[in-house]
């Protein structure tokens, strides 16, 4: 079975169990902490994916890192996954957990890239328009890319709106390549 399918099933089970016990918000924060730890600490990431290190050693490291920092349910979940020798899937599970949690709570992630930082008023207006369009709570991630010259690039789900000066100039350049006044032979 593919890693994503397995991770999806584990994440769904964890969400259902956390809801049942009333600790969904805590478990969500725990999974964010796990993702952050795995992405920021290369050694931890490599340990999880190393086939030479035995599962009990990986479990001991996971317990040492997260004991007392995460909910008991989350720690028990980490133990179950490690006992099944699937600790390399924990990063995928954390990512899938976040996606399923956002879907359950009606949260839509959006990424806006602009040439300069957004003003608070523009940020608020953009958030309101996205809420009106998607019908979901919007979690906006902002990036600054001076190469855009002006305007913005907005990504919501699998849709992208490119309203940057850089893109407009590129389109104009491509239009000039096709000279309609030269006869084609």
N, C-alpha and C. Protein backbone atom coordinates (compact mmCIF):
# COMPACT_ATOMS: atom_id res chain seq x y z
N UNK A 1 0.85 -1.18 0.00
CA UNK A 1 0.00 0.00 0.00
C UNK A 1 0.89 1.24 0.00
N UNK A 2 0.46 2.28 -0.66
CA UNK A 2 1.28 3.47 -0.74
C UNK A 2 1.34 4.19 0.61
N UNK A 3 2.40 4.98 0.77
CA UNK A 3 2.61 5.68 2.04
C UNK A 3 1.47 6.64 2.36
N UNK A 4 0.97 7.31 1.33
CA UNK A 4 -0.10 8.30 1.54
C UNK A 4 -1.39 7.62 1.99
N UNK A 5 -1.71 6.49 1.41
CA UNK A 5 -2.94 5.78 1.81
C UNK A 5 -2.85 5.30 3.25
N UNK A 6 -1.69 4.75 3.60
CA UNK A 6 -1.49 4.26 4.97
C UNK A 6 -1.55 5.44 5.94
N UNK A 7 -0.86 6.54 5.59
CA UNK A 7 -0.85 7.72 6.45
C UNK A 7 -2.25 8.29 6.61
N UNK A 8 -3.02 8.27 5.54
CA UNK A 8 -4.40 8.77 5.58
C UNK A 8 -5.25 7.96 6.55
N UNK A 9 -5.07 6.65 6.54
CA UNK A 9 -5.86 5.79 7.44
C UNK A 9 -5.46 6.00 8.90
N UNK A 10 -4.16 6.10 9.14
CA UNK A 10 -3.70 6.37 10.51
C UNK A 10 -4.21 7.73 11.00
N UNK A 11 -4.12 8.73 10.13
CA UNK A 11 -4.55 10.08 10.51
C UNK A 11 -6.05 10.11 10.81
N UNK A 12 -6.82 9.42 9.99
CA UNK A 12 -8.27 9.39 10.20
C UNK A 12 -8.59 8.72 11.53
N UNK A 13 -7.91 7.63 11.83
CA UNK A 13 -8.13 6.94 13.11
C UNK A 13 -7.77 7.82 14.29
N UNK A 14 -6.65 8.55 14.17
CA UNK A 14 -6.23 9.43 15.25
C UNK A 14 -7.21 10.57 15.45
N UNK A 15 -7.72 11.13 14.37
CA UNK A 15 -8.71 12.22 14.48
C UNK A 15 -9.97 11.71 15.17
N UNK A 16 -10.45 10.55 14.76
CA UNK A 16 -11.68 10.00 15.36
C UNK A 16 -11.48 9.71 16.85
N UNK A 17 -10.34 9.15 17.20
CA UNK A 17 -10.07 8.85 18.61
C UNK A 17 -9.92 10.13 19.43
N UNK A 18 -9.25 11.13 18.87
CA UNK A 18 -9.08 12.40 19.57
C UNK A 18 -10.42 13.11 19.77
N UNK A 19 -11.29 13.03 18.77
CA UNK A 19 -12.64 13.61 18.90
C UNK A 19 -13.41 12.90 20.00
N UNK A 20 -13.33 11.60 20.00
CA UNK A 20 -14.04 10.78 20.98
C UNK A 20 -13.60 11.14 22.41
N UNK A 21 -12.32 11.40 22.58
CA UNK A 21 -11.79 11.72 23.91
C UNK A 21 -11.80 13.21 24.22
N UNK A 22 -12.16 14.04 23.23
CA UNK A 22 -12.27 15.48 23.44
C UNK A 22 -10.94 16.21 23.51
N UNK A 23 -9.92 15.68 22.85
CA UNK A 23 -8.59 16.31 22.87
C UNK A 23 -8.09 16.59 21.46
N UNK A 24 -9.00 16.85 20.55
CA UNK A 24 -8.63 17.06 19.15
C UNK A 24 -7.69 18.25 18.97
N UNK A 25 -7.96 19.35 19.65
CA UNK A 25 -7.12 20.55 19.51
C UNK A 25 -5.71 20.28 20.01
N UNK A 26 -5.58 19.58 21.13
CA UNK A 26 -4.26 19.26 21.68
C UNK A 26 -3.48 18.35 20.73
N UNK A 27 -4.16 17.33 20.21
CA UNK A 27 -3.50 16.40 19.30
C UNK A 27 -3.08 17.12 18.02
N UNK A 28 -3.91 18.06 17.56
CA UNK A 28 -3.53 18.84 16.38
C UNK A 28 -2.24 19.62 16.63
N UNK A 29 -2.14 20.25 17.79
CA UNK A 29 -0.92 20.98 18.14
C UNK A 29 0.28 20.03 18.26
N UNK A 30 0.03 18.83 18.79
CA UNK A 30 1.10 17.84 18.91
C UNK A 30 1.62 17.41 17.54
N UNK A 31 0.71 17.20 16.60
CA UNK A 31 1.12 16.78 15.27
C UNK A 31 1.86 17.91 14.55
N UNK A 32 1.46 19.16 14.80
CA UNK A 32 2.20 20.29 14.24
C UNK A 32 3.61 20.34 14.82
N UNK A 33 3.72 20.08 16.13
CA UNK A 33 5.02 20.04 16.78
C UNK A 33 5.89 18.94 16.19
N UNK A 34 5.30 17.79 15.93
CA UNK A 34 6.06 16.68 15.34
C UNK A 34 6.56 17.06 13.95
N UNK A 35 5.69 17.64 13.14
CA UNK A 35 6.09 18.05 11.78
C UNK A 35 7.21 19.07 11.83
N UNK A 36 7.06 20.03 12.72
CA UNK A 36 8.07 21.08 12.85
C UNK A 36 9.41 20.49 13.30
N UNK A 37 9.37 19.57 14.25
CA UNK A 37 10.59 18.94 14.74
C UNK A 37 11.26 18.14 13.63
N UNK A 38 10.48 17.39 12.87
CA UNK A 38 11.05 16.55 11.81
C UNK A 38 11.61 17.38 10.66
N UNK A 39 10.99 18.50 10.34
CA UNK A 39 11.50 19.33 9.24
C UNK A 39 12.69 20.18 9.65
N UNK A 40 12.73 20.61 10.91
CA UNK A 40 13.81 21.48 11.35
C UNK A 40 15.03 20.72 11.85
N UNK A 41 14.87 19.47 12.20
CA UNK A 41 15.98 18.69 12.73
C UNK A 41 16.30 17.56 11.75
N UNK A 42 17.34 17.75 10.98
CA UNK A 42 17.71 16.79 9.94
C UNK A 42 18.07 15.43 10.53
N UNK A 43 18.76 15.42 11.67
CA UNK A 43 19.15 14.15 12.30
C UNK A 43 17.93 13.34 12.71
N UNK A 44 16.92 13.99 13.24
CA UNK A 44 15.69 13.30 13.64
C UNK A 44 14.99 12.71 12.41
N UNK A 45 14.94 13.51 11.34
CA UNK A 45 14.33 13.05 10.09
C UNK A 45 15.07 11.82 9.56
N UNK A 46 16.39 11.90 9.54
CA UNK A 46 17.18 10.77 9.03
C UNK A 46 17.03 9.53 9.92
N UNK A 47 16.93 9.73 11.23
CA UNK A 47 16.74 8.61 12.15
C UNK A 47 15.43 7.88 11.83
N UNK A 48 14.36 8.65 11.61
CA UNK A 48 13.07 8.02 11.33
C UNK A 48 13.10 7.17 10.06
N UNK A 49 13.90 7.57 9.09
CA UNK A 49 13.92 6.88 7.79
C UNK A 49 15.07 5.89 7.65
N UNK A 50 15.89 5.74 8.69
CA UNK A 50 17.04 4.85 8.63
C UNK A 50 16.61 3.40 8.87
N UNK A 51 16.78 2.53 7.88
CA UNK A 51 16.36 1.13 8.06
C UNK A 51 17.30 0.33 8.96
N UNK A 52 18.50 0.82 9.23
CA UNK A 52 19.47 0.08 10.05
C UNK A 52 19.13 0.20 11.53
N UNK A 53 18.65 1.38 11.94
CA UNK A 53 18.31 1.59 13.35
C UNK A 53 17.02 0.84 13.67
N UNK A 54 17.05 0.07 14.73
CA UNK A 54 15.89 -0.75 15.10
C UNK A 54 14.75 0.12 15.64
N UNK A 55 13.55 -0.39 15.52
CA UNK A 55 12.34 0.35 15.93
C UNK A 55 12.35 0.72 17.41
N UNK A 56 12.87 -0.18 18.26
CA UNK A 56 12.87 0.13 19.69
C UNK A 56 13.79 1.31 20.01
N UNK A 57 14.88 1.47 19.27
CA UNK A 57 15.78 2.62 19.46
C UNK A 57 15.09 3.90 18.98
N UNK A 58 14.39 3.80 17.84
CA UNK A 58 13.66 4.97 17.32
C UNK A 58 12.56 5.37 18.30
N UNK A 59 11.88 4.38 18.86
CA UNK A 59 10.82 4.64 19.83
C UNK A 59 11.39 5.31 21.08
N UNK A 60 12.56 4.88 21.52
CA UNK A 60 13.19 5.49 22.69
C UNK A 60 13.52 6.96 22.42
N UNK A 61 13.98 7.27 21.21
CA UNK A 61 14.29 8.66 20.85
C UNK A 61 13.00 9.48 20.79
N UNK A 62 11.97 8.92 20.17
CA UNK A 62 10.68 9.63 20.07
C UNK A 62 10.14 9.92 21.47
N UNK A 63 10.19 8.93 22.35
CA UNK A 63 9.72 9.13 23.72
C UNK A 63 10.56 10.18 24.45
N UNK A 64 11.88 10.14 24.26
CA UNK A 64 12.75 11.10 24.93
C UNK A 64 12.47 12.53 24.45
N UNK A 65 12.18 12.69 23.16
CA UNK A 65 11.94 14.02 22.60
C UNK A 65 10.57 14.55 22.98
N UNK A 66 9.55 13.70 22.94
CA UNK A 66 8.18 14.19 23.07
C UNK A 66 7.51 13.90 24.42
N UNK A 67 8.14 13.11 25.29
CA UNK A 67 7.56 12.81 26.60
C UNK A 67 7.35 14.11 27.40
N UNK A 68 6.16 14.33 27.87
CA UNK A 68 5.84 15.51 28.66
C UNK A 68 5.52 16.75 27.82
N UNK A 69 5.75 16.69 26.53
CA UNK A 69 5.47 17.83 25.65
C UNK A 69 4.20 17.63 24.84
N UNK A 70 3.76 16.39 24.73
CA UNK A 70 2.57 16.09 23.94
C UNK A 70 1.55 15.36 24.81
N UNK A 71 0.34 15.30 24.32
CA UNK A 71 -0.74 14.61 25.00
C UNK A 71 -0.43 13.11 25.09
N UNK A 72 -0.97 12.46 26.12
CA UNK A 72 -0.74 11.03 26.30
C UNK A 72 -1.27 10.22 25.13
N UNK A 73 -2.37 10.66 24.54
CA UNK A 73 -2.94 9.96 23.38
C UNK A 73 -1.97 10.02 22.20
N UNK A 74 -1.37 11.17 21.99
CA UNK A 74 -0.42 11.33 20.89
C UNK A 74 0.80 10.45 21.11
N UNK A 75 1.32 10.43 22.33
CA UNK A 75 2.48 9.61 22.64
C UNK A 75 2.15 8.12 22.48
N UNK A 76 0.97 7.72 22.91
CA UNK A 76 0.54 6.33 22.73
C UNK A 76 0.44 5.99 21.24
N UNK A 77 -0.05 6.95 20.45
CA UNK A 77 -0.15 6.75 19.00
C UNK A 77 1.25 6.56 18.40
N UNK A 78 2.20 7.41 18.80
CA UNK A 78 3.58 7.27 18.32
C UNK A 78 4.12 5.88 18.67
N UNK A 79 3.82 5.40 19.88
CA UNK A 79 4.29 4.08 20.31
C UNK A 79 3.69 2.96 19.46
N UNK A 80 2.41 3.07 19.16
CA UNK A 80 1.75 2.04 18.33
C UNK A 80 2.38 2.00 16.95
N UNK A 81 2.56 3.16 16.34
CA UNK A 81 3.13 3.23 14.99
C UNK A 81 4.57 2.67 15.00
N UNK A 82 5.33 3.00 16.03
CA UNK A 82 6.72 2.53 16.12
C UNK A 82 6.78 1.02 16.35
N UNK A 83 5.87 0.50 17.16
CA UNK A 83 5.84 -0.95 17.40
C UNK A 83 5.54 -1.72 16.13
N UNK A 84 4.84 -1.10 15.19
CA UNK A 84 4.55 -1.74 13.91
C UNK A 84 5.63 -1.46 12.87
N UNK A 85 6.75 -0.87 13.31
CA UNK A 85 7.90 -0.54 12.46
C UNK A 85 7.52 0.39 11.31
N UNK A 86 6.66 1.35 11.60
CA UNK A 86 6.23 2.30 10.58
C UNK A 86 6.55 3.74 10.99
N UNK A 87 7.60 3.91 11.78
CA UNK A 87 7.94 5.25 12.24
C UNK A 87 8.36 6.18 11.10
N UNK A 88 8.78 5.60 9.98
CA UNK A 88 9.13 6.44 8.82
C UNK A 88 7.89 7.10 8.23
N UNK A 89 6.72 6.58 8.55
CA UNK A 89 5.47 7.15 8.06
C UNK A 89 4.94 8.29 8.93
N UNK A 90 5.55 8.50 10.09
CA UNK A 90 5.02 9.51 11.01
C UNK A 90 4.95 10.90 10.40
N UNK A 91 5.92 11.26 9.58
CA UNK A 91 5.88 12.58 8.93
C UNK A 91 4.70 12.67 7.97
N UNK A 92 4.47 11.62 7.19
CA UNK A 92 3.33 11.60 6.28
C UNK A 92 2.02 11.64 7.06
N UNK A 93 1.99 10.92 8.17
CA UNK A 93 0.78 10.90 9.00
C UNK A 93 0.51 12.29 9.55
N UNK A 94 1.54 12.99 10.00
CA UNK A 94 1.36 14.34 10.54
C UNK A 94 0.83 15.29 9.47
N UNK A 95 1.36 15.18 8.26
CA UNK A 95 0.90 16.03 7.16
C UNK A 95 -0.55 15.71 6.81
N UNK A 96 -0.86 14.43 6.72
CA UNK A 96 -2.22 14.02 6.39
C UNK A 96 -3.19 14.37 7.50
N UNK A 97 -2.73 14.29 8.74
CA UNK A 97 -3.56 14.68 9.89
C UNK A 97 -3.95 16.14 9.76
N UNK A 98 -2.99 17.00 9.44
CA UNK A 98 -3.27 18.43 9.30
C UNK A 98 -4.29 18.68 8.19
N UNK A 99 -4.14 17.98 7.07
CA UNK A 99 -5.07 18.15 5.95
C UNK A 99 -6.48 17.71 6.35
N UNK A 100 -6.60 16.57 7.01
CA UNK A 100 -7.91 16.08 7.42
C UNK A 100 -8.52 16.95 8.52
N UNK A 101 -7.68 17.46 9.42
CA UNK A 101 -8.15 18.35 10.47
C UNK A 101 -8.71 19.64 9.85
N UNK A 102 -7.97 20.22 8.90
CA UNK A 102 -8.43 21.43 8.22
C UNK A 102 -9.74 21.18 7.48
N UNK A 103 -9.86 20.04 6.85
CA UNK A 103 -11.11 19.70 6.15
C UNK A 103 -12.26 19.57 7.14
N UNK A 104 -12.01 18.92 8.28
CA UNK A 104 -13.03 18.74 9.30
C UNK A 104 -13.49 20.08 9.88
N UNK A 105 -12.53 20.98 10.12
CA UNK A 105 -12.84 22.28 10.73
C UNK A 105 -13.26 23.33 9.70
N UNK A 106 -13.21 23.02 8.41
CA UNK A 106 -13.59 23.97 7.38
C UNK A 106 -12.56 25.08 7.19
N UNK A 107 -11.29 24.71 7.25
CA UNK A 107 -10.21 25.67 7.09
C UNK A 107 -9.58 25.47 5.71
N UNK A 108 -9.45 26.55 4.96
CA UNK A 108 -8.82 26.51 3.64
C UNK A 108 -7.48 27.24 3.70
N UNK A 109 -6.42 26.59 3.26
CA UNK A 109 -5.12 27.24 3.24
C UNK A 109 -4.97 28.00 1.93
N UNK A 110 -4.40 29.20 2.03
CA UNK A 110 -4.13 30.01 0.85
C UNK A 110 -2.74 30.60 1.00
N UNK A 111 -2.06 30.75 -0.13
CA UNK A 111 -0.72 31.32 -0.13
C UNK A 111 -0.71 32.50 -1.07
N UNK A 112 -0.30 33.66 -0.56
CA UNK A 112 -0.20 34.86 -1.39
C UNK A 112 1.26 35.30 -1.41
N UNK A 113 1.76 35.50 -2.63
CA UNK A 113 3.12 35.99 -2.82
C UNK A 113 3.02 37.37 -3.44
N UNK A 114 3.66 38.34 -2.83
CA UNK A 114 3.61 39.71 -3.33
C UNK A 114 5.01 40.30 -3.37
N UNK A 115 5.14 41.42 -4.09
CA UNK A 115 6.44 42.08 -4.22
C UNK A 115 6.84 42.77 -2.92
N UNK A 116 5.87 43.26 -2.19
CA UNK A 116 6.11 43.93 -0.90
C UNK A 116 5.16 43.31 0.13
N UNK A 117 5.47 43.44 1.42
CA UNK A 117 4.56 42.89 2.44
C UNK A 117 3.16 43.53 2.35
N UNK A 118 2.14 42.71 2.59
CA UNK A 118 0.76 43.20 2.54
C UNK A 118 0.48 44.13 3.73
N UNK A 119 -0.31 45.16 3.47
CA UNK A 119 -0.75 46.03 4.55
C UNK A 119 -1.87 45.33 5.30
N UNK A 120 -2.10 45.68 6.56
CA UNK A 120 -3.18 45.04 7.32
C UNK A 120 -4.55 45.18 6.64
N UNK A 121 -4.83 46.33 6.05
CA UNK A 121 -6.11 46.53 5.38
C UNK A 121 -6.26 45.63 4.17
N UNK A 122 -5.21 45.51 3.37
CA UNK A 122 -5.24 44.64 2.18
C UNK A 122 -5.35 43.18 2.59
N UNK A 123 -4.64 42.81 3.65
CA UNK A 123 -4.71 41.44 4.16
C UNK A 123 -6.14 41.10 4.59
N UNK A 124 -6.78 42.03 5.29
CA UNK A 124 -8.15 41.82 5.76
C UNK A 124 -9.12 41.71 4.58
N UNK A 125 -8.96 42.59 3.59
CA UNK A 125 -9.84 42.56 2.42
C UNK A 125 -9.68 41.26 1.65
N UNK A 126 -8.44 40.83 1.46
CA UNK A 126 -8.17 39.58 0.76
C UNK A 126 -8.78 38.40 1.52
N UNK A 127 -8.63 38.40 2.85
CA UNK A 127 -9.22 37.34 3.66
C UNK A 127 -10.73 37.29 3.54
N UNK A 128 -11.38 38.47 3.55
CA UNK A 128 -12.84 38.51 3.43
C UNK A 128 -13.30 38.00 2.07
N UNK A 129 -12.60 38.38 1.02
CA UNK A 129 -12.98 37.92 -0.32
C UNK A 129 -12.81 36.41 -0.46
N UNK A 130 -11.75 35.88 0.13
CA UNK A 130 -11.53 34.44 0.06
C UNK A 130 -12.58 33.68 0.86
N UNK A 131 -12.97 34.21 2.01
CA UNK A 131 -14.02 33.58 2.80
C UNK A 131 -15.34 33.59 2.03
N UNK A 132 -15.65 34.71 1.37
CA UNK A 132 -16.88 34.82 0.59
C UNK A 132 -16.86 33.84 -0.59
N UNK A 133 -15.70 33.66 -1.19
CA UNK A 133 -15.60 32.80 -2.36
C UNK A 133 -15.59 31.31 -2.00
N UNK A 134 -14.85 30.95 -0.95
CA UNK A 134 -14.72 29.53 -0.60
C UNK A 134 -15.76 29.06 0.40
N UNK A 135 -16.27 29.98 1.21
CA UNK A 135 -17.22 29.59 2.24
C UNK A 135 -16.55 28.92 3.43
N UNK A 136 -15.23 29.00 3.51
CA UNK A 136 -14.48 28.37 4.60
C UNK A 136 -13.63 29.43 5.29
N UNK A 137 -13.18 29.11 6.48
CA UNK A 137 -12.23 29.95 7.17
C UNK A 137 -10.90 29.85 6.42
N UNK A 138 -10.26 30.99 6.18
CA UNK A 138 -9.04 30.99 5.38
C UNK A 138 -7.82 31.22 6.27
N UNK A 139 -6.83 30.37 6.09
CA UNK A 139 -5.55 30.50 6.77
C UNK A 139 -4.57 30.99 5.71
N UNK A 140 -4.18 32.25 5.80
CA UNK A 140 -3.39 32.90 4.76
C UNK A 140 -1.89 32.86 5.09
N UNK A 141 -1.11 32.34 4.16
CA UNK A 141 0.35 32.33 4.30
C UNK A 141 0.89 33.38 3.34
N UNK A 142 1.72 34.27 3.85
CA UNK A 142 2.25 35.37 3.04
C UNK A 142 3.72 35.17 2.75
N UNK A 143 4.10 35.39 1.50
CA UNK A 143 5.49 35.36 1.08
C UNK A 143 5.81 36.64 0.34
N UNK A 144 7.04 37.10 0.43
CA UNK A 144 7.47 38.29 -0.29
C UNK A 144 8.51 37.89 -1.31
N UNK A 145 8.27 38.26 -2.59
CA UNK A 145 9.19 37.97 -3.68
C UNK A 145 9.35 39.24 -4.52
N UNK A 146 10.45 39.98 -4.29
CA UNK A 146 10.65 41.24 -5.01
C UNK A 146 10.73 41.07 -6.53
N UNK A 147 11.02 39.86 -7.02
CA UNK A 147 11.13 39.66 -8.47
C UNK A 147 9.78 39.80 -9.18
N UNK A 148 8.68 39.81 -8.43
CA UNK A 148 7.35 39.99 -9.04
C UNK A 148 7.14 41.43 -9.53
N UNK A 149 7.95 42.34 -9.08
CA UNK A 149 7.91 43.77 -9.41
C UNK A 149 6.70 44.46 -8.78
N UNK A 150 5.53 43.92 -8.95
CA UNK A 150 4.30 44.46 -8.38
C UNK A 150 3.20 43.42 -8.51
N UNK A 151 2.07 43.66 -7.87
CA UNK A 151 0.96 42.72 -7.94
C UNK A 151 1.14 41.56 -6.97
N UNK A 152 0.46 40.44 -7.26
CA UNK A 152 0.52 39.29 -6.37
C UNK A 152 0.23 38.01 -7.13
N UNK A 153 0.58 36.89 -6.50
CA UNK A 153 0.22 35.56 -6.98
C UNK A 153 -0.51 34.89 -5.82
N UNK A 154 -1.74 34.45 -6.07
CA UNK A 154 -2.56 33.83 -5.03
C UNK A 154 -2.81 32.38 -5.38
N UNK A 155 -2.54 31.49 -4.43
CA UNK A 155 -2.81 30.06 -4.61
C UNK A 155 -3.78 29.61 -3.54
N UNK A 156 -4.91 29.07 -3.98
CA UNK A 156 -5.91 28.52 -3.07
C UNK A 156 -6.22 27.12 -3.58
N UNK A 157 -5.82 26.12 -2.81
CA UNK A 157 -6.02 24.74 -3.26
C UNK A 157 -5.21 24.48 -4.53
N UNK A 158 -5.91 24.07 -5.58
CA UNK A 158 -5.22 23.81 -6.85
C UNK A 158 -5.42 24.94 -7.86
N UNK A 159 -5.93 26.08 -7.40
CA UNK A 159 -6.14 27.23 -8.28
C UNK A 159 -5.08 28.29 -8.02
N UNK A 160 -4.70 28.98 -9.09
CA UNK A 160 -3.70 30.03 -8.96
C UNK A 160 -4.17 31.25 -9.76
N UNK A 161 -4.07 32.40 -9.13
CA UNK A 161 -4.36 33.67 -9.80
C UNK A 161 -3.06 34.46 -9.81
N UNK A 162 -2.53 34.70 -11.01
CA UNK A 162 -1.27 35.44 -11.15
C UNK A 162 -1.59 36.83 -11.68
N UNK A 163 -1.51 37.79 -10.82
CA UNK A 163 -1.80 39.18 -11.17
C UNK A 163 -0.55 40.04 -10.94
N UNK A 164 0.61 39.46 -11.27
CA UNK A 164 1.87 40.17 -11.03
C UNK A 164 2.32 40.90 -12.29
N UNK A 165 3.13 41.91 -12.10
CA UNK A 165 3.69 42.66 -13.22
C UNK A 165 4.65 41.76 -14.01
N UNK A 166 5.38 40.92 -13.31
CA UNK A 166 6.31 40.00 -13.96
C UNK A 166 5.58 39.11 -14.97
N UNK A 167 4.43 38.57 -14.59
CA UNK A 167 3.65 37.71 -15.47
C UNK A 167 3.09 38.51 -16.65
N UNK A 168 2.63 39.73 -16.37
CA UNK A 168 2.10 40.58 -17.45
C UNK A 168 3.18 40.90 -18.48
N UNK A 169 4.38 41.19 -18.01
CA UNK A 169 5.49 41.47 -18.92
C UNK A 169 5.86 40.23 -19.73
N UNK A 170 5.81 39.07 -19.12
CA UNK A 170 6.10 37.83 -19.82
C UNK A 170 5.08 37.58 -20.92
N UNK A 171 3.79 37.81 -20.63
CA UNK A 171 2.75 37.65 -21.64
C UNK A 171 2.96 38.63 -22.79
N UNK A 172 3.30 39.87 -22.47
CA UNK A 172 3.55 40.89 -23.48
C UNK A 172 4.73 40.49 -24.36
N UNK A 173 5.78 39.97 -23.75
CA UNK A 173 6.95 39.53 -24.50
C UNK A 173 6.56 38.42 -25.48
N UNK A 174 5.75 37.48 -25.02
CA UNK A 174 5.32 36.39 -25.89
C UNK A 174 4.42 36.89 -27.02
N UNK A 175 3.63 37.91 -26.75
CA UNK A 175 2.79 38.48 -27.81
C UNK A 175 3.63 39.15 -28.89
N UNK A 176 4.73 39.75 -28.50
CA UNK A 176 5.60 40.40 -29.49
C UNK A 176 6.34 39.39 -30.35
N UNK A 177 6.50 38.18 -29.85
CA UNK A 177 7.17 37.14 -30.63
C UNK A 177 6.35 36.80 -31.87
N UNK A 178 5.03 36.81 -31.73
CA UNK A 178 4.14 36.53 -32.86
C UNK A 178 3.81 37.85 -33.54
N UNK A 179 4.55 38.18 -34.57
CA UNK A 179 4.33 39.41 -35.30
C UNK A 179 3.29 39.17 -36.39
N UNK A 180 2.10 39.74 -36.27
CA UNK A 180 1.07 39.46 -37.26
C UNK A 180 1.32 40.16 -38.60
N UNK A 181 2.28 41.08 -38.65
CA UNK A 181 2.54 41.83 -39.88
C UNK A 181 3.51 41.13 -40.81
N UNK A 182 4.17 40.12 -40.32
CA UNK A 182 5.08 39.36 -41.17
C UNK A 182 4.29 38.20 -41.74
N UNK A 183 4.30 38.10 -43.06
CA UNK A 183 3.56 37.01 -43.69
C UNK A 183 4.30 35.70 -43.47
N UNK A 184 3.54 34.71 -43.26
CA UNK A 184 4.12 33.39 -43.01
C UNK A 184 4.30 32.69 -44.33
N UNK A 185 5.46 32.16 -44.52
CA UNK A 185 5.78 31.52 -45.80
C UNK A 185 5.65 30.03 -45.66
